[in-house]
């Protein structure tokens, strides 16, 4: 298995909790609060992990410093999402998570790290970002569902 295949496999394995926690509130309504919270907390952890990628070396020192600050900002946003979740604002945290995941993809798409990746990995990042955003959209829909 080459490194690209390994990245793809591990990325999809990492996506499984998004699917699980995003769908479980619809199935087990009794534990909906727990599953929604776990969904958002897991997303916060993944956001912090993704933000760490911006700490990579860059040939341009100004751009490298900017990337570090932006990476720290995304980590702080991930912590903010966790705090919002802790205080039971699940709908706001879910929507905010969706927005931050998309923003981090947009920023990553404009970095040297992304440009150095092969086309298959770039397509993977786009697909996974879309799927994660959809999982948060499903969680948001559950939160505003008048029948729960």
Protein backbone atom coordinates (compact mmCIF):
# COMPACT_ATOMS: atom_id res chain seq x y z
CA UNK A 1 0.00 0.00 0.00
CA UNK A 2 1.54 3.32 -1.04
CA UNK A 3 1.38 6.46 1.10
CA UNK A 4 -1.51 7.99 -0.86
CA UNK A 5 -3.63 4.85 -0.42
CA UNK A 6 -2.78 4.81 3.28
CA UNK A 7 -3.84 8.47 3.65
CA UNK A 8 -7.11 7.75 1.84
CA UNK A 9 -7.85 4.65 3.93
CA UNK A 10 -7.09 6.37 7.24
CA UNK A 11 -9.07 9.44 6.22
CA UNK A 12 -12.19 7.40 5.51
CA UNK A 13 -11.74 5.48 8.77
CA UNK A 14 -11.56 8.87 10.51
CA UNK A 15 -14.81 9.83 8.82
CA UNK A 16 -16.73 6.87 10.31
CA UNK A 17 -17.37 8.61 13.68
CA UNK A 18 -18.89 11.59 11.83
CA UNK A 19 -21.38 9.25 10.19
CA UNK A 20 -22.04 7.32 13.39
CA UNK A 21 -22.53 10.32 15.68
CA UNK A 22 -24.45 12.23 13.00
CA UNK A 23 -27.01 9.47 12.45
CA UNK A 24 -27.40 8.05 15.96
CA UNK A 25 -29.62 10.87 17.32
CA UNK A 26 -32.16 10.01 14.62
CA UNK A 27 -32.09 6.34 15.65
CA UNK A 28 -31.80 6.57 19.45
CA UNK A 29 -33.64 9.73 20.39
CA UNK A 30 -33.30 8.96 24.09
CA UNK A 31 -29.55 9.64 23.87
CA UNK A 32 -29.69 12.39 21.25
CA UNK A 33 -27.93 14.98 23.40
CA UNK A 34 -25.00 12.63 24.02
CA UNK A 35 -24.59 11.71 20.34
CA UNK A 36 -24.87 15.31 19.16
CA UNK A 37 -22.30 16.41 21.74
CA UNK A 38 -19.91 13.60 20.79
CA UNK A 39 -20.32 14.49 17.12
CA UNK A 40 -19.32 18.08 17.75
CA UNK A 41 -16.52 17.20 20.20
CA UNK A 42 -15.05 14.75 17.69
CA UNK A 43 -15.24 17.46 15.04
CA UNK A 44 -13.37 19.83 17.37
CA UNK A 45 -10.58 17.30 17.79
CA UNK A 46 -10.32 16.79 14.02
CA UNK A 47 -10.29 20.57 13.46
CA UNK A 48 -7.41 20.94 15.92
CA UNK A 49 -5.56 18.15 14.13
CA UNK A 50 -6.12 19.76 10.72
CA UNK A 51 -4.99 23.15 12.04
CA UNK A 52 -1.65 21.59 12.96
CA UNK A 53 -0.92 20.97 9.28
CA UNK A 54 -0.48 24.70 8.74
CA UNK A 55 2.64 24.67 10.89
CA UNK A 56 4.62 23.15 8.02
CA UNK A 57 7.75 24.71 6.62
CA UNK A 58 7.35 27.22 3.84
CA UNK A 59 9.99 28.78 1.64
CA UNK A 60 8.57 32.21 2.31
CA UNK A 61 9.08 33.10 5.98
CA UNK A 62 6.25 35.67 6.04
CA UNK A 63 3.84 33.09 4.64
CA UNK A 64 5.09 30.51 7.16
CA UNK A 65 4.46 32.90 10.07
CA UNK A 66 1.00 33.69 8.68
CA UNK A 67 0.22 29.97 8.38
CA UNK A 68 1.23 29.36 12.00
CA UNK A 69 -1.04 32.16 13.22
CA UNK A 70 -3.91 30.92 11.09
CA UNK A 71 -3.34 27.37 12.36
CA UNK A 72 -3.49 28.67 15.93
CA UNK A 73 -6.67 30.61 15.10
CA UNK A 74 -8.34 27.45 13.78
CA UNK A 75 -7.27 25.58 16.93
CA UNK A 76 -8.80 28.32 19.06
CA UNK A 77 -12.00 28.09 17.01
CA UNK A 78 -12.06 24.33 17.66
CA UNK A 79 -11.78 24.98 21.40
CA UNK A 80 -14.54 27.59 21.13
CA UNK A 81 -16.77 25.04 19.42
CA UNK A 82 -16.10 22.59 22.27
CA UNK A 83 -17.04 25.27 24.84
CA UNK A 84 -20.22 26.14 22.95
CA UNK A 85 -21.10 22.44 22.99
CA UNK A 86 -20.33 22.15 26.70
CA UNK A 87 -22.82 24.93 27.41
CA UNK A 88 -25.53 23.08 25.42
CA UNK A 89 -25.75 25.34 22.38
CA UNK A 90 -25.68 22.30 20.11
CA UNK A 91 -27.33 23.85 17.08
CA UNK A 92 -24.96 26.82 17.12
CA UNK A 93 -21.95 24.53 17.64
CA UNK A 94 -23.02 22.26 14.80
CA UNK A 95 -23.50 25.11 12.35
CA UNK A 96 -20.27 26.77 13.49
CA UNK A 97 -18.41 23.46 13.02
CA UNK A 98 -19.71 23.15 9.48
CA UNK A 99 -18.54 26.68 8.67
CA UNK A 100 -15.09 26.21 10.22
CA UNK A 101 -14.54 22.88 8.43
CA UNK A 102 -15.29 24.56 5.13
CA UNK A 103 -13.07 27.57 5.96
CA UNK A 104 -10.16 25.35 6.90
CA UNK A 105 -10.53 23.53 3.56
CA UNK A 106 -10.54 26.82 1.66
CA UNK A 107 -7.42 27.97 3.47
CA UNK A 108 -5.67 24.62 3.06
CA UNK A 109 -6.46 24.65 -0.66
CA UNK A 110 -4.35 27.82 -0.98
CA UNK A 111 -1.24 26.47 0.76
CA UNK A 112 1.92 24.92 -0.63
CA UNK A 113 1.17 21.73 1.34
CA UNK A 114 -2.03 21.23 -0.68
CA UNK A 115 -0.38 22.07 -4.00
CA UNK A 116 2.33 19.46 -3.32
CA UNK A 117 -0.24 16.69 -2.90
CA UNK A 118 -1.32 14.51 -5.77
CA UNK A 119 -4.68 14.95 -7.43
CA UNK A 120 -6.16 11.92 -5.66
CA UNK A 121 -5.43 13.40 -2.23
CA UNK A 122 -6.83 16.80 -3.26
CA UNK A 123 -10.05 15.12 -4.38
CA UNK A 124 -10.16 13.22 -1.08
CA UNK A 125 -9.92 16.43 0.96
CA UNK A 126 -12.69 18.05 -1.07
CA UNK A 127 -14.94 15.00 -0.75
CA UNK A 128 -14.33 14.54 2.97
CA UNK A 129 -14.92 18.21 3.69
CA UNK A 130 -18.22 18.02 1.85
CA UNK A 131 -19.23 14.82 3.69
CA UNK A 132 -18.28 16.23 7.10
CA UNK A 133 -20.27 19.39 6.38
CA UNK A 134 -23.24 17.23 5.39
CA UNK A 135 -22.92 15.28 8.65
CA UNK A 136 -23.11 18.56 10.58
CA UNK A 137 -26.04 19.63 8.43
CA UNK A 138 -27.82 16.41 9.42
CA UNK A 139 -27.07 17.12 13.09
CA UNK A 140 -28.37 20.66 12.69
CA UNK A 141 -31.52 19.33 11.06
CA UNK A 142 -32.07 17.02 14.01
CA UNK A 143 -31.66 19.94 16.42
CA UNK A 144 -34.36 21.99 14.69
CA UNK A 145 -36.62 19.00 14.01
CA UNK A 146 -39.99 19.85 15.61
CA UNK A 147 -40.79 16.14 16.15
CA UNK A 148 -37.97 15.27 18.51
